[in-house]
N, C-alpha and C. Protein backbone atom coordinates (compact mmCIF):
# COMPACT_ATOMS: atom_id res chain seq x y z
N VAL A 1 96.89 124.35 99.92
CA VAL A 1 95.90 123.29 99.79
C VAL A 1 94.99 123.36 101.00
N GLU A 2 93.70 123.34 100.73
CA GLU A 2 92.72 123.47 101.80
C GLU A 2 92.51 122.11 102.51
N GLU A 3 92.19 122.16 103.79
CA GLU A 3 91.95 121.04 104.58
C GLU A 3 90.94 120.00 103.98
N GLY A 4 89.92 120.56 103.38
CA GLY A 4 88.89 119.74 102.74
C GLY A 4 89.40 118.94 101.54
N SER A 5 90.55 119.30 100.98
CA SER A 5 91.14 118.57 99.88
C SER A 5 92.33 117.70 100.33
N LEU A 6 93.05 118.24 101.27
CA LEU A 6 94.32 117.59 101.72
C LEU A 6 94.07 116.24 102.37
N TYR A 7 93.18 116.24 103.38
CA TYR A 7 92.99 114.97 104.15
C TYR A 7 92.35 113.88 103.36
N PRO A 8 91.35 114.12 102.54
CA PRO A 8 90.83 113.08 101.66
C PRO A 8 91.95 112.51 100.73
N ALA A 9 92.77 113.41 100.17
CA ALA A 9 93.84 112.92 99.35
C ALA A 9 94.82 112.09 100.09
N LEU A 10 95.22 112.47 101.34
CA LEU A 10 96.11 111.70 102.12
C LEU A 10 95.50 110.28 102.43
N GLN A 11 94.20 110.26 102.72
CA GLN A 11 93.56 108.99 103.03
C GLN A 11 93.57 108.07 101.77
N LYS A 12 93.41 108.64 100.64
CA LYS A 12 93.47 107.88 99.37
C LYS A 12 94.88 107.31 99.20
N LEU A 13 95.92 108.14 99.45
CA LEU A 13 97.29 107.65 99.33
C LEU A 13 97.57 106.53 100.34
N LEU A 14 97.03 106.69 101.53
CA LEU A 14 97.19 105.61 102.56
C LEU A 14 96.58 104.30 102.12
N ARG A 15 95.34 104.41 101.58
CA ARG A 15 94.61 103.19 101.13
C ARG A 15 95.35 102.49 100.02
N LYS A 16 96.01 103.25 99.14
CA LYS A 16 96.75 102.66 98.00
C LYS A 16 98.08 102.18 98.42
N GLY A 17 98.55 102.48 99.63
CA GLY A 17 99.82 102.03 100.12
C GLY A 17 100.98 102.87 99.63
N TRP A 18 100.71 104.11 99.17
CA TRP A 18 101.75 104.97 98.67
C TRP A 18 102.36 105.84 99.74
N VAL A 19 101.67 105.99 100.85
CA VAL A 19 102.26 106.67 102.01
C VAL A 19 102.03 105.86 103.25
N ARG A 20 102.82 106.15 104.25
CA ARG A 20 102.67 105.52 105.59
C ARG A 20 102.48 106.69 106.58
N ALA A 21 101.71 106.46 107.59
CA ALA A 21 101.44 107.50 108.58
C ALA A 21 101.81 107.02 109.97
N GLU A 22 102.27 107.95 110.76
CA GLU A 22 102.46 107.61 112.18
C GLU A 22 102.21 108.82 113.05
N TRP A 23 101.75 108.51 114.25
CA TRP A 23 101.42 109.59 115.22
C TRP A 23 102.67 109.95 116.01
N GLY A 24 102.80 111.20 116.34
CA GLY A 24 103.88 111.66 117.14
C GLY A 24 103.45 112.87 117.96
N VAL A 25 104.44 113.61 118.54
CA VAL A 25 104.16 114.77 119.33
C VAL A 25 104.97 115.89 118.76
N SER A 26 104.35 117.06 118.57
CA SER A 26 105.05 118.23 118.04
C SER A 26 105.91 118.89 119.13
N ASP A 27 106.65 119.90 118.65
CA ASP A 27 107.44 120.70 119.60
C ASP A 27 106.59 121.45 120.64
N THR A 28 105.33 121.68 120.23
CA THR A 28 104.43 122.40 121.12
C THR A 28 103.55 121.39 121.90
N ASN A 29 103.96 120.15 121.93
CA ASN A 29 103.32 119.07 122.74
C ASN A 29 101.91 118.72 122.20
N ARG A 30 101.66 118.83 120.90
CA ARG A 30 100.37 118.43 120.38
C ARG A 30 100.57 117.17 119.55
N ARG A 31 99.52 116.35 119.52
CA ARG A 31 99.57 115.16 118.68
C ARG A 31 99.53 115.51 117.22
N VAL A 32 100.45 114.97 116.47
CA VAL A 32 100.50 115.20 115.03
C VAL A 32 100.67 113.92 114.31
N ARG A 33 100.19 113.90 113.11
CA ARG A 33 100.38 112.72 112.24
C ARG A 33 101.35 113.10 111.12
N SER A 34 102.35 112.33 110.96
CA SER A 34 103.27 112.58 109.87
C SER A 34 103.17 111.48 108.84
N TYR A 35 103.48 111.87 107.57
CA TYR A 35 103.31 110.98 106.44
C TYR A 35 104.65 110.86 105.72
N ARG A 36 104.94 109.64 105.28
CA ARG A 36 106.11 109.35 104.45
C ARG A 36 105.77 108.51 103.24
N LEU A 37 106.48 108.78 102.16
CA LEU A 37 106.26 107.93 100.96
C LEU A 37 106.81 106.57 101.22
N THR A 38 106.10 105.55 100.75
CA THR A 38 106.58 104.19 100.76
C THR A 38 107.35 103.92 99.47
N PRO A 39 108.05 102.82 99.35
CA PRO A 39 108.70 102.50 98.11
C PRO A 39 107.77 102.49 96.89
N ALA A 40 106.55 101.97 97.19
CA ALA A 40 105.53 101.98 96.10
C ALA A 40 105.10 103.40 95.75
N GLY A 41 105.05 104.27 96.78
CA GLY A 41 104.73 105.63 96.56
C GLY A 41 105.79 106.36 95.74
N ARG A 42 107.00 106.06 96.00
CA ARG A 42 108.13 106.68 95.21
C ARG A 42 108.01 106.26 93.74
N THR A 43 107.72 104.93 93.52
CA THR A 43 107.52 104.46 92.16
C THR A 43 106.38 105.19 91.44
N GLN A 44 105.26 105.35 92.19
CA GLN A 44 104.06 106.02 91.62
C GLN A 44 104.42 107.45 91.37
N LEU A 45 105.14 108.12 92.27
CA LEU A 45 105.48 109.52 92.07
C LEU A 45 106.35 109.70 90.79
N GLU A 46 107.22 108.80 90.62
CA GLU A 46 108.07 108.92 89.37
C GLU A 46 107.19 108.73 88.14
N SER A 47 106.29 107.82 88.21
CA SER A 47 105.39 107.58 87.04
C SER A 47 104.55 108.89 86.79
N GLU A 48 104.02 109.50 87.85
CA GLU A 48 103.18 110.68 87.69
C GLU A 48 104.07 111.79 87.17
N ARG A 49 105.26 111.93 87.64
CA ARG A 49 106.18 112.98 87.14
C ARG A 49 106.46 112.78 85.66
N THR A 50 106.67 111.60 85.20
CA THR A 50 106.89 111.28 83.79
C THR A 50 105.66 111.70 82.97
N ARG A 51 104.46 111.28 83.45
CA ARG A 51 103.23 111.67 82.69
C ARG A 51 103.06 113.20 82.63
N TYR A 52 103.37 113.85 83.77
CA TYR A 52 103.26 115.29 83.79
C TYR A 52 104.24 115.92 82.83
N ASP A 53 105.46 115.47 82.82
CA ASP A 53 106.47 116.04 81.92
C ASP A 53 106.08 115.87 80.43
N HIS A 54 105.53 114.73 80.07
CA HIS A 54 105.05 114.53 78.70
C HIS A 54 103.95 115.51 78.36
N ALA A 55 102.98 115.61 79.22
CA ALA A 55 101.83 116.51 79.00
C ALA A 55 102.33 117.97 78.94
N ASN A 56 103.22 118.31 79.83
CA ASN A 56 103.74 119.70 79.86
C ASN A 56 104.52 120.04 78.57
N ARG A 57 105.28 119.09 78.08
CA ARG A 57 106.02 119.33 76.85
C ARG A 57 105.13 119.49 75.68
N ALA A 58 104.04 118.69 75.65
CA ALA A 58 103.02 118.83 74.55
C ALA A 58 102.35 120.18 74.62
N ILE A 59 101.98 120.60 75.77
CA ILE A 59 101.34 121.92 75.92
C ILE A 59 102.26 123.04 75.52
N GLN A 60 103.51 122.99 75.91
CA GLN A 60 104.49 123.98 75.55
C GLN A 60 104.63 124.03 74.05
N ALA A 61 104.72 122.87 73.41
CA ALA A 61 104.88 122.85 71.94
C ALA A 61 103.71 123.55 71.26
N VAL A 62 102.47 123.30 71.80
CA VAL A 62 101.32 123.93 71.19
C VAL A 62 101.34 125.44 71.46
N LEU A 63 101.73 125.90 72.56
CA LEU A 63 101.78 127.31 72.89
C LEU A 63 102.85 128.03 72.01
N LYS A 64 103.95 127.34 71.70
CA LYS A 64 104.99 127.94 70.90
C LYS A 64 104.45 128.20 69.46
N LEU A 65 103.51 127.40 69.04
CA LEU A 65 102.98 127.48 67.68
C LEU A 65 101.93 128.65 67.56
N ALA A 66 101.38 129.01 68.72
CA ALA A 66 100.31 130.05 68.73
C ALA A 66 100.83 131.43 68.55
C-alpha cells in the first residue's frame, strides 16, 4: 500500500472511530504512531468481511459457469 493511500485511509478510520492512534517511540528511537481497532472497528470489520464473502461467493459461482 502506498503512502498516498494508506494515511488518508487511516485518517478516515480515525474520524469514524474505527481505530485509535497513539504516539510512541520505536526501537530505533524514532517517533511512531500505532493504530488499534476499536470495538466499533471490530464490528465494522466483521460486517465488511461478511459483505466480501458474499460478493466473493457470487463471483466464484459465475466463474464456475463460464
